[in-house]
C-alpha atoms as a PDB file:
ATOM      1  CA  UNK A   1     -11.761  38.937-116.902  1.00  0.00           C
ATOM      2  CA  UNK A   2     -12.416  35.282-117.598  1.00  0.00           C
ATOM      3  CA  UNK A   3     -14.518  34.353-120.578  1.00  0.00           C
ATOM      4  CA  UNK A   4     -16.862  31.375-120.665  1.00  0.00           C
ATOM      5  CA  UNK A   5     -16.043  29.606-123.938  1.00  0.00           C
ATOM      6  CA  UNK A   6     -18.966  27.344-123.584  1.00  0.00           C
ATOM      7  CA  UNK A   7     -21.201  30.188-124.626  1.00  0.00           C
ATOM      8  CA  UNK A   8     -19.528  30.606-127.978  1.00  0.00           C
ATOM      9  CA  UNK A   9     -21.725  28.369-130.053  1.00  0.00           C
ATOM     10  CA  UNK A  10     -25.054  29.769-128.682  1.00  0.00           C
ATOM     11  CA  UNK A  11     -23.921  33.333-129.356  1.00  0.00           C
ATOM     12  CA  UNK A  12     -22.676  32.581-132.875  1.00  0.00           C
ATOM     13  CA  UNK A  13     -25.841  30.614-133.616  1.00  0.00           C
ATOM     14  CA  UNK A  14     -27.987  33.456-132.462  1.00  0.00           C
ATOM     15  CA  UNK A  15     -26.172  35.998-134.552  1.00  0.00           C
ATOM     16  CA  UNK A  16     -26.379  33.814-137.635  1.00  0.00           C
ATOM     17  CA  UNK A  17     -30.026  33.063-137.176  1.00  0.00           C
ATOM     18  CA  UNK A  18     -31.135  36.595-136.565  1.00  0.00           C
ATOM     19  CA  UNK A  19     -29.065  37.823-139.514  1.00  0.00           C
ATOM     20  CA  UNK A  20     -30.462  35.171-141.858  1.00  0.00           C
ATOM     21  CA  UNK A  21     -34.063  35.590-140.804  1.00  0.00           C
ATOM     22  CA  UNK A  22     -34.085  39.346-140.599  1.00  0.00           C
ATOM     23  CA  UNK A  23     -35.578  39.267-137.123  1.00  0.00           C
ATOM     24  CA  UNK A  24     -33.607  42.320-136.090  1.00  0.00           C
ATOM     25  CA  UNK A  25     -35.721  44.465-138.355  1.00  0.00           C
ATOM     26  CA  UNK A  26     -38.534  44.199-135.780  1.00  0.00           C
ATOM     27  CA  UNK A  27     -36.457  46.127-133.199  1.00  0.00           C
ATOM     28  CA  UNK A  28     -37.599  49.698-132.822  1.00  0.00           C
ATOM     29  CA  UNK A  29     -34.756  52.232-132.775  1.00  0.00           C
ATOM     30  CA  UNK A  30     -36.938  55.189-131.732  1.00  0.00           C
ATOM     31  CA  UNK A  31     -34.941  57.246-129.173  1.00  0.00           C
ATOM     32  CA  UNK A  32     -31.640  55.333-129.811  1.00  0.00           C
ATOM     33  CA  UNK A  33     -28.506  57.419-130.210  1.00  0.00           C
ATOM     34  CA  UNK A  34     -25.370  55.907-131.722  1.00  0.00           C
ATOM     35  CA  UNK A  35     -22.354  57.746-130.301  1.00  0.00           C
ATOM     36  CA  UNK A  36     -19.734  55.939-132.454  1.00  0.00           C
ATOM     37  CA  UNK A  37     -20.422  56.395-136.165  1.00  0.00           C
ATOM     38  CA  UNK A  38     -17.578  56.271-138.705  1.00  0.00           C
ATOM     39  CA  UNK A  39     -18.149  57.451-142.252  1.00  0.00           C
ATOM     40  CA  UNK A  40     -16.213  59.046-145.183  1.00  0.00           C
ATOM     41  CA  UNK A  41     -14.486  61.004-146.436  1.00  0.00           C
ATOM     42  CA  UNK A  42     -11.664  59.427-144.439  1.00  0.00           C
ATOM     43  CA  UNK A  43      -8.098  58.186-144.840  1.00  0.00           C
ATOM     44  CA  UNK A  44      -9.342  54.723-143.995  1.00  0.00           C
ATOM     45  CA  UNK A  45     -11.825  52.729-146.083  1.00  0.00           C
ATOM     46  CA  UNK A  46     -15.439  53.475-145.135  1.00  0.00           C
ATOM     47  CA  UNK A  47     -18.629  51.854-146.196  1.00  0.00           C
ATOM     48  CA  UNK A  48     -20.492  55.147-146.747  1.00  0.00           C
ATOM     49  CA  UNK A  49     -20.007  58.892-146.506  1.00  0.00           C
ATOM     50  CA  UNK A  50     -21.502  61.263-143.889  1.00  0.00           C
ATOM     51  CA  UNK A  51     -24.506  62.104-145.957  1.00  0.00           C
ATOM     52  CA  UNK A  52     -25.410  58.489-146.647  1.00  0.00           C
ATOM     53  CA  UNK A  53     -24.817  57.568-143.006  1.00  0.00           C
ATOM     54  CA  UNK A  54     -27.236  60.167-141.572  1.00  0.00           C
ATOM     55  CA  UNK A  55     -29.916  59.474-144.191  1.00  0.00           C
ATOM     56  CA  UNK A  56     -29.767  55.749-143.488  1.00  0.00           C
ATOM     57  CA  UNK A  57     -29.892  56.384-139.745  1.00  0.00           C
ATOM     58  CA  UNK A  58     -32.905  58.666-140.050  1.00  0.00           C
ATOM     59  CA  UNK A  59     -34.709  56.162-142.270  1.00  0.00           C
ATOM     60  CA  UNK A  60     -34.043  53.483-139.596  1.00  0.00           C
ATOM     61  CA  UNK A  61     -35.659  55.621-136.907  1.00  0.00           C
ATOM     62  CA  UNK A  62     -32.596  56.554-134.813  1.00  0.00           C
ATOM     63  CA  UNK A  63     -32.837  59.728-132.719  1.00  0.00           C
ATOM     64  CA  UNK A  64     -29.209  60.766-133.170  1.00  0.00           C
ATOM     65  CA  UNK A  65     -25.703  59.936-134.307  1.00  0.00           C
ATOM     66  CA  UNK A  66     -22.259  61.199-133.380  1.00  0.00           C
ATOM     67  CA  UNK A  67     -19.815  61.247-136.311  1.00  0.00           C
ATOM     68  CA  UNK A  68     -16.265  60.270-135.351  1.00  0.00           C
ATOM     69  CA  UNK A  69     -13.096  60.588-137.327  1.00  0.00           C
ATOM     70  CA  UNK A  70      -9.671  59.793-135.882  1.00  0.00           C
ATOM     71  CA  UNK A  71      -7.799  62.444-137.931  1.00  0.00           C
ATOM     72  CA  UNK A  72     -10.056  65.445-138.481  1.00  0.00           C
ATOM     73  CA  UNK A  73     -12.787  67.403-136.750  1.00  0.00           C
ATOM     74  CA  UNK A  74     -16.375  66.358-137.461  1.00  0.00           C
ATOM     75  CA  UNK A  75     -18.353  69.261-135.976  1.00  0.00           C
ATOM     76  CA  UNK A  76     -18.461  71.034-139.320  1.00  0.00           C
ATOM     77  CA  UNK A  77     -19.297  67.870-141.189  1.00  0.00           C
ATOM     78  CA  UNK A  78     -22.097  67.183-138.756  1.00  0.00           C
ATOM     79  CA  UNK A  79     -23.544  70.624-139.308  1.00  0.00           C
ATOM     80  CA  UNK A  80     -23.655  70.053-143.082  1.00  0.00           C
ATOM     81  CA  UNK A  81     -24.983  66.513-142.774  1.00  0.00           C
ATOM     82  CA  UNK A  82     -27.732  67.694-140.388  1.00  0.00           C
ATOM     83  CA  UNK A  83     -29.185  69.778-143.217  1.00  0.00           C
ATOM     84  CA  UNK A  84     -30.037  66.604-145.070  1.00  0.00           C
ATOM     85  CA  UNK A  85     -32.292  65.132-142.396  1.00  0.00           C
ATOM     86  CA  UNK A  86     -35.385  66.380-140.619  1.00  0.00           C
ATOM     87  CA  UNK A  87     -35.699  64.321-137.466  1.00  0.00           C
ATOM     88  CA  UNK A  88     -32.184  63.008-136.835  1.00  0.00           C
ATOM     89  CA  UNK A  89     -29.828  64.782-134.422  1.00  0.00           C
ATOM     90  CA  UNK A  90     -26.238  64.854-135.829  1.00  0.00           C
ATOM     91  CA  UNK A  91     -23.194  65.648-133.723  1.00  0.00           C
ATOM     92  CA  UNK A  92     -19.452  65.564-134.067  1.00  0.00           C
ATOM     93  CA  UNK A  93     -16.243  66.193-132.245  1.00  0.00           C
ATOM     94  CA  UNK A  94     -12.449  66.156-132.404  1.00  0.00           C
ATOM     95  CA  UNK A  95      -9.852  63.493-131.593  1.00  0.00           C
ATOM     96  CA  UNK A  96      -6.613  64.828-130.246  1.00  0.00           C
ATOM     97  CA  UNK A  97      -4.275  62.865-132.498  1.00  0.00           C
ATOM     98  CA  UNK A  98      -1.119  64.129-134.217  1.00  0.00           C
ATOM     99  CA  UNK A  99      -3.110  65.327-137.253  1.00  0.00           C
ATOM    100  CA  UNK A 100      -4.739  68.091-135.195  1.00  0.00           C
ATOM    101  CA  UNK A 101      -1.585  68.893-133.164  1.00  0.00           C
ATOM    102  CA  UNK A 102      -2.057  66.324-130.406  1.00  0.00           C
ATOM    103  CA  UNK A 103      -3.000  67.802-127.060  1.00  0.00           C
ATOM    104  CA  UNK A 104      -4.055  71.066-128.636  1.00  0.00           C
ATOM    105  CA  UNK A 105      -6.394  73.352-126.699  1.00  0.00           C
ATOM    106  CA  UNK A 106      -6.873  75.581-129.727  1.00  0.00           C
ATOM    107  CA  UNK A 107      -8.340  72.672-131.718  1.00  0.00           C
ATOM    108  CA  UNK A 108     -10.922  72.239-128.936  1.00  0.00           C
ATOM    109  CA  UNK A 109     -11.589  75.976-128.664  1.00  0.00           C
ATOM    110  CA  UNK A 110     -12.245  76.320-132.363  1.00  0.00           C
ATOM    111  CA  UNK A 111     -14.417  73.208-132.533  1.00  0.00           C
ATOM    112  CA  UNK A 112     -16.633  74.545-129.729  1.00  0.00           C
ATOM    113  CA  UNK A 113     -16.897  77.948-131.543  1.00  0.00           C
ATOM    114  CA  UNK A 114     -17.879  76.479-134.954  1.00  0.00           C
ATOM    115  CA  UNK A 115     -21.286  77.582-136.161  1.00  0.00           C
ATOM    116  CA  UNK A 116     -24.068  75.009-135.856  1.00  0.00           C
ATOM    117  CA  UNK A 117     -23.145  73.964-132.342  1.00  0.00           C
ATOM    118  CA  UNK A 118     -22.570  70.366-133.418  1.00  0.00           C
ATOM    119  CA  UNK A 119     -19.236  69.809-131.725  1.00  0.00           C
ATOM    120  CA  UNK A 120     -19.953  67.827-128.597  1.00  0.00           C
ATOM    121  CA  UNK A 121     -17.070  65.383-127.872  1.00  0.00           C
ATOM    122  CA  UNK A 122     -13.322  65.628-127.390  1.00  0.00           C
ATOM    123  CA  UNK A 123     -11.502  62.354-127.606  1.00  0.00           C
ATOM    124  CA  UNK A 124      -8.055  61.973-126.089  1.00  0.00           C
ATOM    125  CA  UNK A 125      -5.558  60.408-128.598  1.00  0.00           C
ATOM    126  CA  UNK A 126      -6.885  57.238-130.235  1.00  0.00           C
ATOM    127  CA  UNK A 127      -4.654  55.687-132.859  1.00  0.00           C
ATOM    128  CA  UNK A 128      -1.828  57.948-131.670  1.00  0.00           C
ATOM    129  CA  UNK A 129      -2.148  57.044-127.999  1.00  0.00           C
ATOM    130  CA  UNK A 130       0.825  55.470-126.262  1.00  0.00           C
ATOM    131  CA  UNK A 131      -1.433  52.480-125.227  1.00  0.00           C
ATOM    132  CA  UNK A 132      -2.485  51.793-128.820  1.00  0.00           C
ATOM    133  CA  UNK A 133       0.979  52.272-130.341  1.00  0.00           C
ATOM    134  CA  UNK A 134       2.471  49.958-127.664  1.00  0.00           C
ATOM    135  CA  UNK A 135      -0.244  47.304-127.938  1.00  0.00           C
ATOM    136  CA  UNK A 136       0.040  47.183-131.688  1.00  0.00           C
ATOM    137  CA  UNK A 137       3.813  46.869-131.539  1.00  0.00           C
ATOM    138  CA  UNK A 138       4.405  49.670-134.022  1.00  0.00           C
ATOM    139  CA  UNK A 139       7.077  52.398-133.910  1.00  0.00           C
ATOM    140  CA  UNK A 140       5.026  55.443-134.922  1.00  0.00           C
ATOM    141  CA  UNK A 141       5.262  58.524-132.685  1.00  0.00           C
ATOM    142  CA  UNK A 142       2.563  58.758-129.998  1.00  0.00           C
ATOM    143  CA  UNK A 143       0.814  61.533-128.233  1.00  0.00           C
ATOM    144  CA  UNK A 144       1.334  61.169-124.424  1.00  0.00           C
ATOM    145  CA  UNK A 145      -1.370  62.249-122.013  1.00  0.00           C
ATOM    146  CA  UNK A 146       0.676  61.967-118.782  1.00  0.00           C
ATOM    147  CA  UNK A 147       4.159  62.684-117.673  1.00  0.00           C
ATOM    148  CA  UNK A 148       5.590  61.920-114.192  1.00  0.00           C
ATOM    149  CA  UNK A 149       2.081  61.044-112.978  1.00  0.00           C
ATOM    150  CA  UNK A 150       0.520  64.313-114.111  1.00  0.00           C
ATOM    151  CA  UNK A 151      -1.379  65.511-117.223  1.00  0.00           C
ATOM    152  CA  UNK A 152       0.914  66.691-120.000  1.00  0.00           C
ATOM    153  CA  UNK A 153       1.195  70.386-120.874  1.00  0.00           C
ATOM    154  CA  UNK A 154      -2.016  71.686-122.343  1.00  0.00           C
ATOM    155  CA  UNK A 155      -4.275  68.903-121.100  1.00  0.00           C
ATOM    156  CA  UNK A 156      -5.608  70.793-118.148  1.00  0.00           C
ATOM    157  CA  UNK A 157      -6.541  73.636-120.465  1.00  0.00           C
ATOM    158  CA  UNK A 158      -8.340  71.080-122.652  1.00  0.00           C
ATOM    159  CA  UNK A 159     -10.254  69.883-119.639  1.00  0.00           C
ATOM    160  CA  UNK A 160     -11.161  73.491-118.751  1.00  0.00           C
ATOM    161  CA  UNK A 161     -12.411  74.113-122.255  1.00  0.00           C
ATOM    162  CA  UNK A 162     -14.510  70.957-122.209  1.00  0.00           C
ATOM    163  CA  UNK A 163     -16.069  72.049-118.880  1.00  0.00           C
ATOM    164  CA  UNK A 164     -16.635  75.670-120.046  1.00  0.00           C
ATOM    165  CA  UNK A 165     -18.418  74.517-123.164  1.00  0.00           C
ATOM    166  CA  UNK A 166     -20.283  71.597-121.605  1.00  0.00           C
ATOM    167  CA  UNK A 167     -18.629  69.039-123.852  1.00  0.00           C
ATOM    168  CA  UNK A 168     -17.989  65.334-123.373  1.00  0.00           C
ATOM    169  CA  UNK A 169     -14.480  64.199-122.444  1.00  0.00           C
ATOM    170  CA  UNK A 170     -13.952  60.838-124.165  1.00  0.00           C
ATOM    171  CA  UNK A 171     -10.861  58.955-123.018  1.00  0.00           C
ATOM    172  CA  UNK A 172      -9.850  57.728-126.506  1.00  0.00           C
ATOM    173  CA  UNK A 173      -7.448  54.782-126.530  1.00  0.00           C
ATOM    174  CA  UNK A 174      -5.830  55.646-123.190  1.00  0.00           C
ATOM    175  CA  UNK A 175      -4.870  52.794-120.897  1.00  0.00           C
ATOM    176  CA  UNK A 176      -7.148  52.020-117.900  1.00  0.00           C
ATOM    177  CA  UNK A 177      -4.411  53.284-115.574  1.00  0.00           C
ATOM    178  CA  UNK A 178      -4.232  56.545-117.447  1.00  0.00           C
ATOM    179  CA  UNK A 179      -8.067  56.851-117.429  1.00  0.00           C
ATOM    180  CA  UNK A 180      -8.266  56.376-113.673  1.00  0.00           C
ATOM    181  CA  UNK A 181      -5.418  58.807-113.061  1.00  0.00           C
ATOM    182  CA  UNK A 182      -6.858  61.541-115.342  1.00  0.00           C
ATOM    183  CA  UNK A 183     -10.431  61.503-114.197  1.00  0.00           C
ATOM    184  CA  UNK A 184      -9.753  63.365-110.914  1.00  0.00           C
ATOM    185  CA  UNK A 185      -7.828  66.059-112.805  1.00  0.00           C
ATOM    186  CA  UNK A 186     -10.737  66.417-115.261  1.00  0.00           C
ATOM    187  CA  UNK A 187     -13.255  66.637-112.418  1.00  0.00           C
ATOM    188  CA  UNK A 188     -11.205  69.262-110.676  1.00  0.00           C
ATOM    189  CA  UNK A 189     -11.354  71.402-113.857  1.00  0.00           C
ATOM    190  CA  UNK A 190     -15.167  71.076-113.852  1.00  0.00           C
ATOM    191  CA  UNK A 191     -15.675  68.332-116.433  1.00  0.00           C
ATOM    192  CA  UNK A 192     -19.044  66.716-115.839  1.00  0.00           C
ATOM    193  CA  UNK A 193     -19.493  64.291-118.745  1.00  0.00           C
ATOM    194  CA  UNK A 194     -16.800  61.595-119.097  1.00  0.00           C
ATOM    195  CA  UNK A 195     -17.031  58.722-121.502  1.00  0.00           C
ATOM    196  CA  UNK A 196     -14.605  55.811-121.429  1.00  0.00           C
ATOM    197  CA  UNK A 197     -14.145  54.825-125.098  1.00  0.00           C
ATOM    198  CA  UNK A 198     -14.862  51.104-125.682  1.00  0.00           C
ATOM    199  CA  UNK A 199     -13.609  50.070-122.267  1.00  0.00           C
ATOM    200  CA  UNK A 200     -12.945  46.465-123.242  1.00  0.00           C
ATOM    201  CA  UNK A 201     -10.846  47.531-126.175  1.00  0.00           C
ATOM    202  CA  UNK A 202      -8.566  49.173-123.651  1.00  0.00           C
ATOM    203  CA  UNK A 203      -8.169  45.924-121.714  1.00  0.00           C
ATOM    204  CA  UNK A 204      -9.698  47.212-118.508  1.00  0.00           C
ATOM    205  CA  UNK A 205     -10.041  44.647-115.724  1.00  0.00           C
ATOM    206  CA  UNK A 206     -13.301  44.105-113.826  1.00  0.00           C
ATOM    207  CA  UNK A 207     -11.845  45.898-110.864  1.00  0.00           C
ATOM    208  CA  UNK A 208     -10.817  48.865-113.012  1.00  0.00           C
ATOM    209  CA  UNK A 209     -14.304  48.996-114.515  1.00  0.00           C
ATOM    210  CA  UNK A 210     -15.771  49.111-111.036  1.00  0.00           C
ATOM    211  CA  UNK A 211     -13.441  51.998-110.154  1.00  0.00           C
ATOM    212  CA  UNK A 212     -14.423  53.866-113.325  1.00  0.00           C
ATOM    213  CA  UNK A 213     -18.127  53.428-112.545  1.00  0.00           C
ATOM    214  CA  UNK A 214     -17.476  54.779-109.014  1.00  0.00           C
ATOM    215  CA  UNK A 215     -16.208  58.036-110.467  1.00  0.00           C
ATOM    216  CA  UNK A 216     -19.484  58.584-112.292  1.00  0.00           C
ATOM    217  CA  UNK A 217     -17.924  58.111-115.735  1.00  0.00           C
ATOM    218  CA  UNK A 218     -19.963  56.352-118.467  1.00  0.00           C
ATOM    219  CA  UNK A 219     -18.268  53.397-120.243  1.00  0.00           C
ATOM    220  CA  UNK A 220     -18.870  52.468-123.862  1.00  0.00           C
ATOM    221  CA  UNK A 221     -19.658  48.893-125.036  1.00  0.00           C
ATOM    222  CA  UNK A 222     -19.303  48.723-128.822  1.00  0.00           C
ATOM    223  CA  UNK A 223     -20.919  46.248-131.210  1.00  0.00           C
ATOM    224  CA  UNK A 224     -17.912  46.112-133.551  1.00  0.00           C
ATOM    225  CA  UNK A 225     -15.932  44.185-130.916  1.00  0.00           C
ATOM    226  CA  UNK A 226     -18.740  41.683-130.417  1.00  0.00           C
ATOM    227  CA  UNK A 227     -19.367  41.443-134.143  1.00  0.00           C
ATOM    228  CA  UNK A 228     -15.763  40.320-134.639  1.00  0.00           C
ATOM    229  CA  UNK A 229     -15.479  38.361-131.324  1.00  0.00           C
ATOM    230  CA  UNK A 230     -18.896  37.107-130.056  1.00  0.00           C
ATOM    231  CA  UNK A 231     -17.310  35.862-126.814  1.00  0.00           C
ATOM    232  CA  UNK A 232     -17.036  39.436-125.612  1.00  0.00           C
ATOM    233  CA  UNK A 233     -20.837  39.500-125.181  1.00  0.00           C
ATOM    234  CA  UNK A 234     -20.295  37.405-122.081  1.00  0.00           C
ATOM    235  CA  UNK A 235     -18.121  40.146-120.605  1.00  0.00           C
ATOM    236  CA  UNK A 236     -20.667  42.795-121.607  1.00  0.00           C
ATOM    237  CA  UNK A 237     -23.518  40.998-119.888  1.00  0.00           C
ATOM    238  CA  UNK A 238     -21.385  40.384-116.826  1.00  0.00           C
ATOM    239  CA  UNK A 239     -20.588  44.026-116.302  1.00  0.00           C
ATOM    240  CA  UNK A 240     -24.047  45.319-117.143  1.00  0.00           C
ATOM    241  CA  UNK A 241     -25.555  42.959-114.589  1.00  0.00           C
ATOM    242  CA  UNK A 242     -22.941  43.438-111.848  1.00  0.00           C
ATOM    243  CA  UNK A 243     -21.929  47.075-112.287  1.00  0.00           C
ATOM    244  CA  UNK A 244     -25.228  48.376-113.601  1.00  0.00           C
ATOM    245  CA  UNK A 245     -26.624  49.589-116.888  1.00  0.00           C
ATOM    246  CA  UNK A 246     -26.509  53.153-115.591  1.00  0.00           C
ATOM    247  CA  UNK A 247     -22.734  53.102-116.076  1.00  0.00           C
ATOM    248  CA  UNK A 248     -22.728  52.168-119.782  1.00  0.00           C
ATOM    249  CA  UNK A 249     -23.763  53.194-123.255  1.00  0.00           C
ATOM    250  CA  UNK A 250     -23.935  50.891-126.266  1.00  0.00           C
ATOM    251  CA  UNK A 251     -22.810  51.937-129.759  1.00  0.00           C
ATOM    252  CA  UNK A 252     -22.185  50.431-133.117  1.00  0.00           C
ATOM    253  CA  UNK A 253     -18.631  51.625-133.921  1.00  0.00           C
ATOM    254  CA  UNK A 254     -19.546  50.716-137.519  1.00  0.00           C
ATOM    255  CA  UNK A 255     -18.757  52.311-140.831  1.00  0.00           C
ATOM    256  CA  UNK A 256     -15.777  50.283-141.845  1.00  0.00           C
ATOM    257  CA  UNK A 257     -15.770  49.100-145.454  1.00  0.00           C
ATOM    258  CA  UNK A 258     -17.441  45.693-145.714  1.00  0.00           C
ATOM    259  CA  UNK A 259     -19.440  46.058-142.450  1.00  0.00           C
ATOM    260  CA  UNK A 260     -23.229  46.670-142.192  1.00  0.00           C
ATOM    261  CA  UNK A 261     -24.676  50.121-141.580  1.00  0.00           C
ATOM    262  CA  UNK A 262     -24.877  51.650-138.118  1.00  0.00           C
ATOM    263  CA  UNK A 263     -28.595  51.028-137.581  1.00  0.00           C
ATOM    264  CA  UNK A 264     -28.203  47.361-138.441  1.00  0.00           C
ATOM    265  CA  UNK A 265     -25.407  47.209-135.922  1.00  0.00           C
ATOM    266  CA  UNK A 266     -27.485  48.753-133.189  1.00  0.00           C
ATOM    267  CA  UNK A 267     -30.411  46.403-133.961  1.00  0.00           C
ATOM    268  CA  UNK A 268     -28.106  43.382-133.790  1.00  0.00           C
ATOM    269  CA  UNK A 269     -26.575  44.621-130.526  1.00  0.00           C
ATOM    270  CA  UNK A 270     -29.971  45.080-128.918  1.00  0.00           C
ATOM    271  CA  UNK A 271     -31.129  41.706-130.113  1.00  0.00           C
ATOM    272  CA  UNK A 272     -28.005  40.008-128.786  1.00  0.00           C
ATOM    273  CA  UNK A 273     -28.434  41.653-125.370  1.00  0.00           C
ATOM    274  CA  UNK A 274     -32.107  40.682-125.234  1.00  0.00           C
ATOM    275  CA  UNK A 275     -31.149  37.116-125.986  1.00  0.00           C
ATOM    276  CA  UNK A 276     -28.885  37.220-122.921  1.00  0.00           C
ATOM    277  CA  UNK A 277     -31.643  38.410-120.590  1.00  0.00           C
ATOM    278  CA  UNK A 278     -30.733  42.084-120.546  1.00  0.00           C
ATOM    279  CA  UNK A 279     -34.015  43.906-119.955  1.00  0.00           C
ATOM    280  CA  UNK A 280     -35.523  46.540-122.151  1.00  0.00           C
ATOM    281  CA  UNK A 281     -35.166  48.980-119.260  1.00  0.00           C
ATOM    282  CA  UNK A 282     -31.449  48.348-119.148  1.00  0.00           C
ATOM    283  CA  UNK A 283     -31.177  48.676-122.901  1.00  0.00           C
ATOM    284  CA  UNK A 284     -33.077  51.945-122.865  1.00  0.00           C
ATOM    285  CA  UNK A 285     -30.640  53.303-120.262  1.00  0.00           C
ATOM    286  CA  UNK A 286     -27.594  52.374-122.406  1.00  0.00           C
ATOM    287  CA  UNK A 287     -29.041  53.129-125.863  1.00  0.00           C
ATOM    288  CA  UNK A 288     -31.191  56.180-125.180  1.00  0.00           C
ATOM    289  CA  UNK A 289     -30.974  57.820-121.822  1.00  0.00           C
ATOM    290  CA  UNK A 290     -27.262  57.772-121.063  1.00  0.00           C
ATOM    291  CA  UNK A 291     -26.282  58.974-124.567  1.00  0.00           C
ATOM    292  CA  UNK A 292     -28.878  61.802-124.331  1.00  0.00           C
ATOM    293  CA  UNK A 293     -27.498  62.816-120.910  1.00  0.00           C
ATOM    294  CA  UNK A 294     -23.920  62.926-122.186  1.00  0.00           C
ATOM    295  CA  UNK A 295     -25.008  65.077-125.133  1.00  0.00           C
ATOM    296  CA  UNK A 296     -27.073  67.440-123.004  1.00  0.00           C
ATOM    297  CA  UNK A 297     -30.408  66.437-124.546  1.00  0.00           C
ATOM    298  CA  UNK A 298     -33.735  66.040-122.757  1.00  0.00           C
END
């Protein structure tokens, strides 16, 4: 997808001006759900822990957050963190990286059975995906999701468990080709809710994004990517306007040490989209309605 570099200065200028003047504070986050929240404890540096993250999110007016960790389940952590807040919904999930046994149906089965009912999302491999390992040029072992054009052993059972427990299948850091190949298998097992994890981070083309939308999957647009590379906002606006807001969610993907809190990220994201003539109705679809639908909320 081609990027219009002439838009770089206006975007950067906008981000700087809103940050300096605090204009983002006027954005109402009522009903907003952030489905990509990193927090500690973690093996990677985080700006805050789970308890601090949920309290800050509640104070900011968010409706809900989804705690994500690449290396351990967060359903149990979400159940504990939820006890600290009154009005915020807190959820978690499990990423099928090597630390939980890779494509491990038992990890999904146990997460779904944990008390509290906070486990909602199963991510395919992220930092241990073949796509990520290859793209980064590192030699670590990876967790494959396909072999000879078919899902690897155990993955169909994972899909079945996701369907049985009405969970969300998130595609992790799989390649666009893998995503498009796996969606029919997931649908055949009864999976209804499919989320394409930060679709631009996986280098999907515009044509592939259109194909993903046609399957009924929801694609994630994350603020972290735009925070580090403002040019990507051009791509975000292009697909929202051409494919339709009904096919996307927006998330912060914040929590890294040195970055702002999640609510600040969501405010900045919404402000940036508004500045690019994305309507409030479109924003509500992506920030409120689509996340709620994926999570099975009213």
